């Protein structure tokens, strides 16, 4: 799909926007793509929208951003098509090919970079990244290992602990453990104390997460989380403010860049935490303060630790790192998201906007980073 990495680009770089996907975050991915397609500089880049239906089929998608708007009554979805987009090698280059029954395949030509705006499993977890690596295709964001570690909340915590970051108490629960000895799981969770947060290990956008205040609600919360992932992480509730920091890969050998930290306040409705509806559906349900109201030394420490977390998982491109800031002034890392929500109202671009880098320029910088990095092992 790309030529040798030393070959100079000519004309407008061709950017394939890849969105949708098989995960429960399909609609969020569509909305993210709408935001990027609406803000990307069409005079600078040639954009090819490619949707992935929930079945896994790749299709040529509409570039009309209104087709991918998010409303609580009608979530956007990539529809299957009789025309399938595939990656194929043509003349020594990997190209996009459109195939349909009883028709001659149509070549779309090579692309210079893929912007995989996919959230959750089969997109944000290293699977798409592996496909693109196999074809020496440049793409925006983290590589295979960093994406996989950043998707799995269990192994993410293991990596963070090894890097010296402070991690809150938790237990990881596999499908085998829950189905063969649920009582043992309940006892392990009980030792954490209540409340706890029950989370699918490999889902994002607050999908399937429940706050549980007593043992009586635990089983129902576990079953809800298992609808999204059979592996779970159950975390002890931490008293503290939720602080986020946006990280952007440095150019060349430069260190990662960090935004001013932001703080989320869930302002309206019945939200006990920053859930899916507060993030994406209900306008005004959450507000971002950036920079967060913290002492200067705490702000500096958040930015320092966010860069440590970025490097710990081997991230590239972008990540959002989330912390708890306790009344005692301790910073406990919650998670890293290697493909954070990227709509114009999402916290990652909002934090960069508050730090002096607007949405369009942020998109441009991410594409630049992808176009200039090496393919293969790095």
Protein backbone atom coordinates (compact mmCIF):
# COMPACT_ATOMS: atom_id res chain seq x y z
CA UNK A 1 0.00 0.00 0.00
CA UNK A 2 2.99 2.25 0.40
CA UNK A 3 6.25 2.46 -1.45
CA UNK A 4 9.70 2.33 0.09
CA UNK A 5 9.90 4.59 3.14
CA UNK A 6 12.58 6.74 1.49
CA UNK A 7 10.35 7.54 -1.52
CA UNK A 8 9.14 11.16 -1.40
CA UNK A 9 5.40 11.75 -1.50
CA UNK A 10 4.02 13.54 -4.54
CA UNK A 11 0.76 15.47 -4.73
CA UNK A 12 -1.75 15.29 -1.89
CA UNK A 13 -1.17 12.35 0.48
CA UNK A 14 -4.04 9.86 0.28
CA UNK A 15 -5.52 9.19 3.71
CA UNK A 16 -7.85 6.24 4.26
CA UNK A 17 -10.20 6.94 7.18
CA UNK A 18 -11.07 3.54 8.66
CA UNK A 19 -14.05 3.40 11.02
CA UNK A 20 -16.97 1.34 12.32
CA UNK A 21 -15.74 -2.12 13.24
CA UNK A 22 -17.06 -5.20 15.02
CA UNK A 23 -16.94 -3.98 18.61
CA UNK A 24 -19.69 -2.52 20.78
CA UNK A 25 -18.08 0.89 20.18
CA UNK A 26 -19.06 0.83 16.51
CA UNK A 27 -21.25 3.95 16.74
CA UNK A 28 -18.61 5.93 18.65
CA UNK A 29 -16.11 5.10 15.90
CA UNK A 30 -18.54 6.39 13.26
CA UNK A 31 -18.99 9.67 15.13
CA UNK A 32 -15.23 10.01 15.55
CA UNK A 33 -14.78 9.55 11.80
CA UNK A 34 -17.38 12.23 11.13
CA UNK A 35 -15.43 14.66 13.29
CA UNK A 36 -12.14 13.92 11.55
CA UNK A 37 -13.63 14.02 8.04
CA UNK A 38 -15.26 17.33 8.83
CA UNK A 39 -12.05 18.92 10.06
CA UNK A 40 -9.31 17.40 7.88
CA UNK A 41 -7.82 19.78 5.31
CA UNK A 42 -9.20 18.54 1.97
CA UNK A 43 -6.85 20.87 0.11
CA UNK A 44 -3.91 19.08 1.72
CA UNK A 45 -5.15 15.48 1.83
CA UNK A 46 -7.20 13.21 -0.41
CA UNK A 47 -9.59 11.36 1.89
CA UNK A 48 -10.95 7.85 1.28
CA UNK A 49 -13.66 6.85 3.81
CA UNK A 50 -13.72 3.10 4.48
CA UNK A 51 -16.31 1.68 6.83
CA UNK A 52 -16.15 -1.69 8.54
CA UNK A 53 -19.59 -3.24 9.05
CA UNK A 54 -20.36 -5.15 12.25
CA UNK A 55 -19.96 -8.32 10.19
CA UNK A 56 -16.35 -7.35 9.49
CA UNK A 57 -16.90 -6.43 5.85
CA UNK A 58 -14.91 -3.44 4.55
CA UNK A 59 -16.97 -1.12 2.35
CA UNK A 60 -16.58 2.23 0.61
CA UNK A 61 -18.37 4.64 2.91
CA UNK A 62 -20.04 7.99 2.55
CA UNK A 63 -17.90 11.05 3.14
CA UNK A 64 -20.98 13.04 4.19
CA UNK A 65 -20.42 13.68 7.88
CA UNK A 66 -24.17 14.03 8.53
CA UNK A 67 -24.53 10.31 7.77
CA UNK A 68 -22.49 9.52 10.89
CA UNK A 69 -23.99 11.87 13.47
CA UNK A 70 -24.83 10.50 16.91
CA UNK A 71 -28.33 10.76 18.32
CA UNK A 72 -29.73 8.78 21.23
CA UNK A 73 -32.60 7.45 19.10
CA UNK A 74 -30.54 6.38 16.09
CA UNK A 75 -26.91 5.33 16.45
CA UNK A 76 -24.95 5.47 13.18
CA UNK A 77 -23.91 2.16 11.67
CA UNK A 78 -21.90 1.03 8.65
CA UNK A 79 -24.21 -1.07 6.50
CA UNK A 80 -23.04 -4.18 4.64
CA UNK A 81 -22.70 -3.81 0.89
CA UNK A 82 -22.48 -5.88 -2.25
CA UNK A 83 -19.17 -4.13 -2.90
CA UNK A 84 -16.28 -5.18 -0.66
CA UNK A 85 -13.01 -3.30 -0.17
CA UNK A 86 -9.92 -5.49 0.22
CA UNK A 87 -6.18 -5.05 0.47
CA UNK A 88 -4.28 -6.70 -2.35
CA UNK A 89 -0.79 -6.59 -3.86
CA UNK A 90 -0.76 -5.12 -7.36
CA UNK A 91 2.49 -4.50 -9.20
CA UNK A 92 4.52 -4.79 -6.03
CA UNK A 93 2.37 -2.30 -4.14
CA UNK A 94 -0.43 -2.97 -1.68
CA UNK A 95 -3.58 -1.31 -2.95
CA UNK A 96 -7.25 -0.98 -2.13
CA UNK A 97 -9.42 -3.07 -4.44
CA UNK A 98 -13.22 -2.97 -4.71
CA UNK A 99 -14.81 -6.28 -5.63
CA UNK A 100 -18.41 -7.24 -6.31
CA UNK A 101 -20.08 -10.32 -7.79
CA UNK A 102 -19.88 -10.69 -11.59
CA UNK A 103 -17.81 -7.53 -12.02
CA UNK A 104 -14.21 -6.68 -12.79
CA UNK A 105 -12.34 -5.62 -9.63
CA UNK A 106 -11.84 -1.87 -9.37
CA UNK A 107 -8.49 -0.52 -8.22
CA UNK A 108 -8.63 2.45 -5.87
CA UNK A 109 -4.87 2.81 -5.96
CA UNK A 110 -2.39 2.95 -3.13
CA UNK A 111 -2.83 5.08 -0.04
CA UNK A 112 -0.11 6.85 1.89
CA UNK A 113 -1.51 6.47 5.40
CA UNK A 114 -4.43 4.83 7.18
CA UNK A 115 -6.17 6.66 10.02
CA UNK A 116 -7.78 3.78 11.97
CA UNK A 117 -10.49 5.48 14.03
CA UNK A 118 -11.59 2.20 15.56
CA UNK A 119 -12.44 1.67 19.21
CA UNK A 120 -12.50 -1.57 21.17
CA UNK A 121 -11.66 -5.14 20.10
CA UNK A 122 -10.85 -5.90 16.46
CA UNK A 123 -9.56 -2.40 15.87
CA UNK A 124 -7.94 -0.71 18.84
CA UNK A 125 -6.39 -3.89 20.25
CA UNK A 126 -3.59 -4.50 17.76
CA UNK A 127 -5.54 -6.59 15.25
CA UNK A 128 -5.92 -3.92 12.56
CA UNK A 129 -2.44 -2.68 13.40
CA UNK A 130 -1.07 -6.15 12.70
CA UNK A 131 -2.79 -6.25 9.32
CA UNK A 132 -1.31 -2.88 8.40
CA UNK A 133 2.14 -3.91 9.63
CA UNK A 134 2.05 -7.01 7.43
CA UNK A 135 1.52 -4.81 4.38
CA UNK A 136 4.11 -2.16 5.40
CA UNK A 137 1.34 0.40 5.55
CA UNK A 138 1.85 3.56 7.56
CA UNK A 139 -0.94 4.34 9.99
CA UNK A 140 -1.84 6.76 12.75
CA UNK A 141 -1.45 5.64 16.35
CA UNK A 142 0.06 2.90 18.45
CA UNK A 143 1.54 -0.32 17.10
CA UNK A 144 0.52 -3.92 17.73
CA UNK A 145 1.89 -4.49 21.23
CA UNK A 146 1.06 -1.04 22.61
CA UNK A 147 -2.47 -1.29 21.24
CA UNK A 148 -2.98 -4.74 22.76
CA UNK A 149 -1.60 -3.74 26.17
CA UNK A 150 -3.58 -0.50 26.14
CA UNK A 151 -6.78 -2.42 25.37
CA UNK A 152 -6.43 -5.01 28.13
CA UNK A 153 -6.97 -3.30 31.49
CA UNK A 154 -5.37 -6.23 33.32
CA UNK A 155 -2.06 -6.36 31.46
CA UNK A 156 -2.04 -2.57 31.24
CA UNK A 157 -1.89 -2.45 35.05
CA UNK A 158 0.88 -5.04 35.12
CA UNK A 159 2.97 -2.89 32.76
CA UNK A 160 2.23 0.27 34.74
CA UNK A 161 3.30 -1.38 37.99
CA UNK A 162 6.54 -2.53 36.38
CA UNK A 163 7.20 1.09 35.33
CA UNK A 164 6.81 2.26 38.91
CA UNK A 165 3.40 3.89 38.49
CA UNK A 166 0.91 3.73 41.34
CA UNK A 167 -2.04 1.44 40.52
CA UNK A 168 -5.20 1.03 42.62
CA UNK A 169 -6.32 -2.33 44.09
CA UNK A 170 -8.05 -4.63 41.60
CA UNK A 171 -8.77 -8.22 40.67
CA UNK A 172 -8.79 -9.72 37.19
CA UNK A 173 -11.46 -12.35 36.50
CA UNK A 174 -11.32 -14.80 33.59
CA UNK A 175 -14.26 -16.65 32.08
CA UNK A 176 -12.98 -19.94 33.53
CA UNK A 177 -12.70 -18.51 37.03
CA UNK A 178 -16.24 -17.12 37.01
CA UNK A 179 -17.89 -20.19 35.47
CA UNK A 180 -16.07 -22.77 37.64
CA UNK A 181 -15.89 -21.01 41.01
CA UNK A 182 -17.98 -17.86 41.21
CA UNK A 183 -17.90 -17.91 45.00
CA UNK A 184 -14.11 -17.63 45.02
CA UNK A 185 -14.40 -14.58 42.76
CA UNK A 186 -16.94 -13.01 45.12
CA UNK A 187 -14.56 -13.51 48.05
CA UNK A 188 -11.68 -11.90 46.16
CA UNK A 189 -13.85 -8.91 45.29
CA UNK A 190 -15.13 -8.65 48.86
CA UNK A 191 -11.56 -8.11 50.05
CA UNK A 192 -11.37 -4.97 47.92
CA UNK A 193 -14.19 -3.38 49.89
CA UNK A 194 -17.14 -1.53 48.39
CA UNK A 195 -17.87 0.31 46.22
CA UNK A 196 -16.17 -1.39 43.28
CA UNK A 197 -16.26 -0.78 39.56
CA UNK A 198 -16.87 -3.83 37.39
CA UNK A 199 -15.39 -3.43 33.91
CA UNK A 200 -14.97 -5.49 30.76
CA UNK A 201 -11.20 -5.92 30.47
CA UNK A 202 -11.10 -5.06 26.77
CA UNK A 203 -13.84 -2.53 26.10
CA UNK A 204 -13.84 1.25 26.19
CA UNK A 205 -16.18 4.25 26.08
CA UNK A 206 -17.50 3.09 29.48
CA UNK A 207 -19.28 0.17 27.79
CA UNK A 208 -20.53 -2.43 30.29
CA UNK A 209 -19.12 -0.64 33.36
CA UNK A 210 -21.12 -0.68 36.58
CA UNK A 211 -20.57 0.84 39.99
CA UNK A 212 -21.45 -1.71 42.70
CA UNK A 213 -22.09 -0.59 46.27
CA UNK A 214 -22.60 -4.00 47.90
CA UNK A 215 -22.26 -7.74 47.32
CA UNK A 216 -25.94 -7.92 46.36
CA UNK A 217 -25.33 -6.08 43.09
CA UNK A 218 -22.11 -7.83 42.13
CA UNK A 219 -23.41 -10.77 40.10
CA UNK A 220 -25.67 -8.61 37.92
CA UNK A 221 -22.81 -6.19 37.25
CA UNK A 222 -20.50 -9.06 36.32
CA UNK A 223 -23.03 -10.50 33.89
CA UNK A 224 -23.53 -7.05 32.33
CA UNK A 225 -19.79 -6.65 31.83
CA UNK A 226 -19.55 -10.18 30.40
CA UNK A 227 -21.89 -9.16 27.58
CA UNK A 228 -18.96 -7.10 26.30
CA UNK A 229 -15.98 -9.24 27.32
CA UNK A 230 -15.63 -12.57 29.15
CA UNK A 231 -12.53 -11.25 30.88
CA UNK A 232 -13.17 -8.64 33.58
CA UNK A 233 -11.29 -6.24 35.79
CA UNK A 234 -12.92 -5.27 39.09
CA UNK A 235 -11.42 -2.21 40.74
CA UNK A 236 -11.72 -0.82 44.23
CA UNK A 237 -13.40 2.55 44.36
CA UNK A 238 -10.87 5.33 44.89
CA UNK A 239 -11.71 8.61 46.56
CA UNK A 240 -10.22 11.25 44.32
CA UNK A 241 -10.72 13.57 41.40
CA UNK A 242 -10.52 12.17 37.86
CA UNK A 243 -7.73 13.93 35.98
CA UNK A 244 -6.86 13.31 32.33
CA UNK A 245 -3.85 14.21 30.23
CA UNK A 246 -3.45 14.07 26.45
CA UNK A 247 -0.14 12.78 25.09
CA UNK A 248 1.20 13.34 21.58
CA UNK A 249 4.27 11.59 20.20
CA UNK A 250 7.29 13.84 19.77
CA UNK A 251 8.79 14.41 16.35
CA UNK A 252 11.85 12.37 15.51
CA UNK A 253 13.61 11.41 18.73
CA UNK A 254 11.88 14.11 20.79
CA UNK A 255 10.12 13.09 24.00
CA UNK A 256 6.32 12.76 24.08
CA UNK A 257 4.41 16.03 24.32
CA UNK A 258 1.73 16.45 26.98
CA UNK A 259 -1.27 18.75 27.22
CA UNK A 260 -2.37 20.64 30.27
CA UNK A 261 -4.31 18.21 32.49
CA UNK A 262 -8.09 18.33 32.39
CA UNK A 263 -10.80 17.39 34.86
CA UNK A 264 -14.21 15.96 34.04
CA UNK A 265 -17.26 17.00 36.01
CA UNK A 266 -20.47 15.05 35.42
CA UNK A 267 -22.89 17.93 35.71
CA UNK A 268 -26.40 16.71 35.03
CA UNK A 269 -28.69 13.69 34.93
CA UNK A 270 -28.43 10.49 36.91
CA UNK A 271 -24.83 9.63 36.07
CA UNK A 272 -22.83 8.21 38.97
CA UNK A 273 -19.70 8.34 36.83
CA UNK A 274 -18.55 9.37 33.35
CA UNK A 275 -20.61 6.80 31.43
CA UNK A 276 -21.42 6.37 27.72
CA UNK A 277 -24.42 8.73 27.72
CA UNK A 278 -22.51 11.46 29.53
CA UNK A 279 -19.64 11.11 27.06
CA UNK A 280 -21.51 11.00 23.78
CA UNK A 281 -25.29 11.41 23.98
CA UNK A 282 -26.42 14.02 26.47
CA UNK A 283 -25.23 17.53 25.70
CA UNK A 284 -24.04 19.29 28.82
CA UNK A 285 -23.94 16.10 30.91
CA UNK A 286 -20.20 16.52 31.42
CA UNK A 287 -17.88 19.50 31.45
CA UNK A 288 -14.10 19.71 31.08
CA UNK A 289 -11.95 22.10 33.08
CA UNK A 290 -8.55 22.54 31.46
CA UNK A 291 -6.20 23.22 33.02
CA UNK A 292 -7.54 21.41 36.05
CA UNK A 293 -7.64 23.36 39.29
CA UNK A 294 -4.51 21.86 40.84
CA UNK A 295 -1.25 23.17 42.30
CA UNK A 296 1.46 23.82 39.71
CA UNK A 297 3.60 20.98 41.05
CA UNK A 298 0.67 18.53 40.73
CA UNK A 299 0.06 19.65 37.13
CA UNK A 300 3.72 19.09 36.31
CA UNK A 301 3.61 15.66 37.96
CA UNK A 302 0.52 14.60 35.96
CA UNK A 303 2.25 15.55 32.73
CA UNK A 304 5.42 13.73 33.73
CA UNK A 305 3.59 10.53 34.69
CA UNK A 306 1.44 10.63 31.54
CA UNK A 307 4.60 10.61 29.44
CA UNK A 308 5.97 7.73 31.55
CA UNK A 309 2.78 5.73 30.90
CA UNK A 310 2.96 6.49 27.16
CA UNK A 311 6.52 5.19 26.98
CA UNK A 312 5.80 2.25 29.30
CA UNK A 313 3.40 0.64 26.81
CA UNK A 314 5.46 1.75 23.81
CA UNK A 315 2.71 4.01 22.44
CA UNK A 316 2.99 6.05 19.25
CA UNK A 317 0.90 8.86 17.83
CA UNK A 318 -1.58 9.66 20.55
CA UNK A 319 -2.90 8.49 23.90
CA UNK A 320 -5.02 9.80 26.74
CA UNK A 321 -3.85 8.91 30.24
CA UNK A 322 -6.30 9.02 33.15
CA UNK A 323 -5.45 9.43 36.84
CA UNK A 324 -7.12 9.71 40.22
CA UNK A 325 -5.87 12.66 42.28
CA UNK A 326 -6.49 11.83 45.93
CA UNK A 327 -7.10 14.31 48.77
CA UNK A 328 -3.62 13.39 50.04
CA UNK A 329 -2.13 14.56 46.75
CA UNK A 330 -1.34 11.06 45.42
CA UNK A 331 -1.68 10.35 41.70
CA UNK A 332 -2.99 6.85 40.94
CA UNK A 333 -3.07 5.88 37.28
CA UNK A 334 -6.37 4.51 36.03
CA UNK A 335 -5.72 3.70 32.39
CA UNK A 336 -4.23 4.65 29.05
CA UNK A 337 -6.34 4.84 25.91
CA UNK A 338 -4.26 4.51 22.74
CA UNK A 339 -7.14 5.58 20.48
CA UNK A 340 -9.17 7.92 22.70
CA UNK A 341 -12.48 9.42 21.72
CA UNK A 342 -11.66 11.88 18.97
CA UNK A 343 -14.87 13.73 18.22
CA UNK A 344 -14.62 17.53 18.46
CA UNK A 345 -16.27 17.34 21.91
CA UNK A 346 -14.05 14.50 23.15
CA UNK A 347 -11.65 15.22 25.95
CA UNK A 348 -8.44 14.43 24.04
CA UNK A 349 -8.83 17.15 21.37
CA UNK A 350 -10.39 19.54 23.88
CA UNK A 351 -7.32 19.30 26.12
CA UNK A 352 -5.03 19.99 23.19
CA UNK A 353 -7.20 22.91 22.10
CA UNK A 354 -6.89 24.35 25.61
CA UNK A 355 -3.13 23.81 25.33
CA UNK A 356 -2.83 25.71 22.04
CA UNK A 357 -3.29 23.03 19.35
CA UNK A 358 -6.69 23.11 17.67
CA UNK A 359 -8.60 20.13 16.24
CA UNK A 360 -7.59 20.58 12.61
CA UNK A 361 -3.94 21.13 13.43
CA UNK A 362 -3.99 18.11 15.75
CA UNK A 363 -5.28 15.90 12.92
CA UNK A 364 -2.60 17.31 10.63
CA UNK A 365 0.13 16.60 13.19
CA UNK A 366 -1.01 12.99 13.70
CA UNK A 367 -0.97 12.36 9.94
CA UNK A 368 2.48 13.94 9.71
CA UNK A 369 3.79 11.67 12.47
CA UNK A 370 2.41 8.61 10.67
CA UNK A 371 3.78 9.64 7.27
CA UNK A 372 7.28 10.22 8.58
CA UNK A 373 7.75 7.19 10.83
CA UNK A 374 9.45 4.03 9.63
CA UNK A 375 7.57 0.91 8.64
CA UNK A 376 8.53 -2.48 10.05
CA UNK A 377 10.31 -2.95 13.38
CA UNK A 378 11.11 0.34 15.10
